């Protein structure tokens, strides 16, 4: 399904910063950690676009659709209900 995208870091990987747009909330996939983004209540045209920062290697994640949507975010398959801890 094009409405789910997941990022996983292996044991010796550096943490990966993923900025969810348009909210600009940064989620961090740490070693041995997975961050999954799931679009719900979305149209069939929903897809993800990714921009990789050339200097810092961070990612920007852009939801793309003509319709409405909601995003659920999971850390190691646990729904994150409080985005506040991720806001800088």
N, C-alpha and C. Protein backbone atom coordinates (compact mmCIF):
# COMPACT_ATOMS: atom_id res chain seq x y z
N UNK A 1 0.84 -1.18 0.00
CA UNK A 1 0.00 0.00 0.00
C UNK A 1 0.88 1.24 0.00
N UNK A 2 0.49 2.23 -0.75
CA UNK A 2 1.28 3.45 -0.83
C UNK A 2 1.01 4.40 0.33
N UNK A 3 0.11 4.02 1.23
CA UNK A 3 -0.18 4.92 2.34
C UNK A 3 0.65 4.62 3.59
N UNK A 4 1.57 3.65 3.52
CA UNK A 4 2.43 3.31 4.65
C UNK A 4 3.89 3.42 4.21
N UNK A 5 4.69 4.07 5.07
CA UNK A 5 6.14 4.11 4.83
C UNK A 5 6.82 3.96 6.19
N UNK A 6 7.89 3.14 6.21
CA UNK A 6 8.57 2.85 7.48
C UNK A 6 10.08 3.02 7.30
N UNK A 7 10.71 3.53 8.36
CA UNK A 7 12.16 3.74 8.38
C UNK A 7 12.72 2.97 9.57
N UNK A 8 13.78 2.20 9.31
CA UNK A 8 14.39 1.36 10.34
C UNK A 8 15.89 1.57 10.33
N UNK A 9 16.48 1.67 11.52
CA UNK A 9 17.94 1.77 11.64
C UNK A 9 18.48 0.48 12.25
N UNK A 10 19.54 -0.03 11.64
CA UNK A 10 20.21 -1.20 12.19
C UNK A 10 21.07 -0.80 13.39
N UNK A 11 21.62 -1.79 14.08
CA UNK A 11 22.35 -1.58 15.33
C UNK A 11 23.48 -0.54 15.21
N UNK A 12 24.25 -0.56 14.15
CA UNK A 12 25.40 0.35 14.03
C UNK A 12 25.11 1.58 13.17
N UNK A 13 23.85 1.79 12.79
CA UNK A 13 23.49 2.96 11.99
C UNK A 13 23.46 4.22 12.85
N UNK A 14 23.66 5.33 12.22
CA UNK A 14 23.45 6.62 12.89
C UNK A 14 21.95 6.89 12.96
N UNK A 15 21.51 7.64 13.97
CA UNK A 15 20.09 8.00 14.03
C UNK A 15 19.68 8.76 12.76
N UNK A 16 18.45 8.57 12.35
CA UNK A 16 17.91 9.19 11.15
C UNK A 16 16.78 10.14 11.55
N UNK A 17 16.91 11.41 11.17
CA UNK A 17 15.86 12.39 11.43
C UNK A 17 14.89 12.41 10.25
N UNK A 18 13.60 12.29 10.57
CA UNK A 18 12.56 12.31 9.55
C UNK A 18 11.60 13.44 9.91
N UNK A 19 11.52 14.44 9.06
CA UNK A 19 10.65 15.59 9.31
C UNK A 19 9.35 15.40 8.55
N UNK A 20 8.25 15.27 9.28
CA UNK A 20 6.94 15.11 8.67
C UNK A 20 6.39 16.48 8.32
N UNK A 21 6.09 16.68 7.05
CA UNK A 21 5.52 17.94 6.58
C UNK A 21 4.01 17.79 6.43
N UNK A 22 3.23 18.82 6.49
CA UNK A 22 3.61 20.22 6.65
C UNK A 22 3.77 20.64 8.11
N UNK A 23 3.59 19.70 9.06
CA UNK A 23 3.67 20.05 10.47
C UNK A 23 5.08 20.38 10.93
N UNK A 24 6.09 19.88 10.21
CA UNK A 24 7.51 20.07 10.52
C UNK A 24 7.89 19.45 11.86
N UNK A 25 7.25 18.33 12.21
CA UNK A 25 7.62 17.59 13.42
C UNK A 25 8.71 16.61 13.03
N UNK A 26 9.78 16.57 13.80
CA UNK A 26 10.91 15.69 13.51
C UNK A 26 10.83 14.45 14.39
N UNK A 27 10.84 13.31 13.74
CA UNK A 27 10.87 12.01 14.42
C UNK A 27 12.26 11.42 14.19
N UNK A 28 12.77 10.71 15.17
CA UNK A 28 14.11 10.14 15.05
C UNK A 28 14.03 8.62 15.13
N UNK A 29 14.54 7.99 14.08
CA UNK A 29 14.70 6.54 14.09
C UNK A 29 16.10 6.27 14.62
N UNK A 30 16.19 5.76 15.83
CA UNK A 30 17.47 5.45 16.47
C UNK A 30 17.88 4.02 16.12
N UNK A 31 19.14 3.66 16.37
CA UNK A 31 19.55 2.28 16.10
C UNK A 31 18.60 1.27 16.75
N UNK A 32 18.27 0.23 15.98
CA UNK A 32 17.36 -0.83 16.39
C UNK A 32 15.97 -0.29 16.70
N UNK A 33 15.57 0.73 15.96
CA UNK A 33 14.31 1.41 16.19
C UNK A 33 13.65 1.65 14.83
N UNK A 34 12.31 1.58 14.80
CA UNK A 34 11.57 1.81 13.56
C UNK A 34 10.53 2.90 13.78
N UNK A 35 10.38 3.77 12.80
CA UNK A 35 9.34 4.78 12.78
C UNK A 35 8.49 4.53 11.53
N UNK A 36 7.18 4.36 11.73
CA UNK A 36 6.28 4.07 10.62
C UNK A 36 5.20 5.16 10.55
N UNK A 37 4.93 5.63 9.32
CA UNK A 37 3.91 6.64 9.06
C UNK A 37 2.80 5.98 8.26
N UNK A 38 1.57 6.12 8.75
CA UNK A 38 0.43 5.49 8.10
C UNK A 38 -0.63 6.57 7.82
N UNK A 39 -0.98 6.73 6.56
CA UNK A 39 -2.05 7.65 6.18
C UNK A 39 -3.38 6.92 6.32
N UNK A 40 -4.29 7.56 7.05
CA UNK A 40 -5.62 6.98 7.22
C UNK A 40 -6.65 8.00 6.73
N UNK A 41 -7.85 7.54 6.50
CA UNK A 41 -8.93 8.41 6.01
C UNK A 41 -8.48 9.17 4.75
N UNK A 42 -7.77 8.47 3.88
CA UNK A 42 -7.21 9.13 2.70
C UNK A 42 -7.84 8.58 1.42
N UNK A 43 -7.64 9.33 0.35
CA UNK A 43 -8.14 8.95 -0.97
C UNK A 43 -7.20 7.93 -1.62
N UNK A 44 -7.65 7.32 -2.70
CA UNK A 44 -6.83 6.33 -3.41
C UNK A 44 -5.59 6.94 -4.06
N UNK A 45 -5.59 8.26 -4.27
CA UNK A 45 -4.44 8.90 -4.92
C UNK A 45 -3.31 9.21 -3.94
N UNK A 46 -3.44 8.86 -2.66
CA UNK A 46 -2.43 9.21 -1.66
C UNK A 46 -1.10 8.52 -1.97
N UNK A 47 -0.01 9.27 -1.80
CA UNK A 47 1.34 8.71 -1.91
C UNK A 47 2.28 9.58 -1.08
N UNK A 48 3.47 9.08 -0.84
CA UNK A 48 4.50 9.80 -0.10
C UNK A 48 5.58 10.31 -1.06
N UNK A 49 6.09 11.50 -0.79
CA UNK A 49 7.29 12.02 -1.47
C UNK A 49 8.34 12.25 -0.40
N UNK A 50 9.59 11.99 -0.76
CA UNK A 50 10.70 12.12 0.19
C UNK A 50 11.76 13.05 -0.39
N UNK A 51 12.25 13.94 0.46
CA UNK A 51 13.38 14.79 0.11
C UNK A 51 14.51 14.47 1.07
N UNK A 52 15.70 14.18 0.53
CA UNK A 52 16.88 13.89 1.35
C UNK A 52 17.76 15.13 1.36
N UNK A 53 18.07 15.62 2.56
CA UNK A 53 18.91 16.81 2.70
C UNK A 53 20.32 16.51 2.23
N UNK A 54 20.87 17.36 1.37
CA UNK A 54 22.20 17.12 0.81
C UNK A 54 23.31 17.35 1.82
N UNK A 55 23.09 18.21 2.80
CA UNK A 55 24.15 18.50 3.77
C UNK A 55 24.06 17.64 5.02
N UNK A 56 22.87 17.45 5.55
CA UNK A 56 22.74 16.73 6.82
C UNK A 56 22.22 15.30 6.66
N UNK A 57 21.73 14.94 5.48
CA UNK A 57 21.23 13.60 5.24
C UNK A 57 19.88 13.32 5.87
N UNK A 58 19.26 14.34 6.48
CA UNK A 58 17.93 14.16 7.05
C UNK A 58 16.89 14.03 5.95
N UNK A 59 15.74 13.52 6.32
CA UNK A 59 14.66 13.32 5.37
C UNK A 59 13.49 14.25 5.67
N UNK A 60 12.85 14.72 4.62
CA UNK A 60 11.56 15.37 4.74
C UNK A 60 10.56 14.46 4.07
N UNK A 61 9.45 14.24 4.74
CA UNK A 61 8.41 13.34 4.27
C UNK A 61 7.16 14.15 3.97
N UNK A 62 6.72 14.13 2.71
CA UNK A 62 5.60 14.93 2.25
C UNK A 62 4.43 14.04 1.86
N UNK A 63 3.27 14.18 2.52
CA UNK A 63 2.06 13.50 2.04
C UNK A 63 1.59 14.17 0.75
N UNK A 64 1.21 13.39 -0.24
CA UNK A 64 0.75 13.91 -1.53
C UNK A 64 -0.63 13.33 -1.84
N UNK A 65 -1.62 14.21 -1.95
CA UNK A 65 -2.97 13.79 -2.31
C UNK A 65 -3.81 15.02 -2.65
N UNK A 66 -4.86 14.81 -3.38
CA UNK A 66 -5.81 15.88 -3.66
C UNK A 66 -6.91 15.93 -2.59
N UNK A 67 -7.00 14.88 -1.79
CA UNK A 67 -8.04 14.79 -0.78
C UNK A 67 -7.52 15.01 0.63
N UNK A 68 -8.38 14.77 1.59
CA UNK A 68 -8.03 14.88 3.00
C UNK A 68 -7.33 13.61 3.46
N UNK A 69 -6.67 13.70 4.60
CA UNK A 69 -5.99 12.55 5.18
C UNK A 69 -5.66 12.85 6.64
N UNK A 70 -5.36 11.81 7.38
CA UNK A 70 -4.80 11.90 8.72
C UNK A 70 -3.57 11.00 8.72
N UNK A 71 -2.61 11.33 9.60
CA UNK A 71 -1.39 10.53 9.69
C UNK A 71 -1.28 9.95 11.09
N UNK A 72 -1.07 8.65 11.16
CA UNK A 72 -0.72 8.00 12.42
C UNK A 72 0.77 7.67 12.35
N UNK A 73 1.46 7.84 13.48
CA UNK A 73 2.89 7.56 13.54
C UNK A 73 3.11 6.50 14.61
N UNK A 74 3.92 5.50 14.26
CA UNK A 74 4.21 4.39 15.15
C UNK A 74 5.71 4.33 15.40
N UNK A 75 6.08 4.08 16.65
CA UNK A 75 7.47 3.83 17.00
C UNK A 75 7.53 2.39 17.50
N UNK A 76 8.27 1.55 16.76
CA UNK A 76 8.34 0.12 17.07
C UNK A 76 6.93 -0.48 17.21
N UNK A 77 6.07 -0.15 16.27
CA UNK A 77 4.69 -0.64 16.18
C UNK A 77 3.78 -0.18 17.31
N UNK A 78 4.21 0.81 18.10
CA UNK A 78 3.37 1.41 19.13
C UNK A 78 2.91 2.78 18.63
N UNK A 79 1.60 3.01 18.62
CA UNK A 79 1.06 4.28 18.16
C UNK A 79 1.56 5.41 19.06
N UNK A 80 2.09 6.45 18.44
CA UNK A 80 2.53 7.64 19.18
C UNK A 80 1.31 8.55 19.30
N UNK A 81 0.89 8.82 20.51
CA UNK A 81 -0.28 9.66 20.73
C UNK A 81 0.10 11.07 21.13
N UNK A 82 1.36 11.27 21.52
CA UNK A 82 1.81 12.59 21.97
C UNK A 82 3.01 13.02 21.14
N UNK A 83 2.75 13.85 20.11
CA UNK A 83 3.83 14.36 19.26
C UNK A 83 4.68 15.39 19.99
N UNK A 84 4.21 15.89 21.11
CA UNK A 84 4.90 16.97 21.82
C UNK A 84 6.35 16.59 22.15
N UNK A 85 6.58 15.36 22.53
CA UNK A 85 7.94 14.96 22.91
C UNK A 85 8.90 15.02 21.72
N UNK A 86 8.37 15.07 20.50
CA UNK A 86 9.21 15.14 19.31
C UNK A 86 9.43 16.56 18.83
N UNK A 87 8.66 17.50 19.36
CA UNK A 87 8.79 18.87 18.90
C UNK A 87 9.98 19.54 19.59
N UNK A 88 10.77 20.24 18.80
CA UNK A 88 11.97 20.89 19.34
C UNK A 88 11.70 22.35 19.57
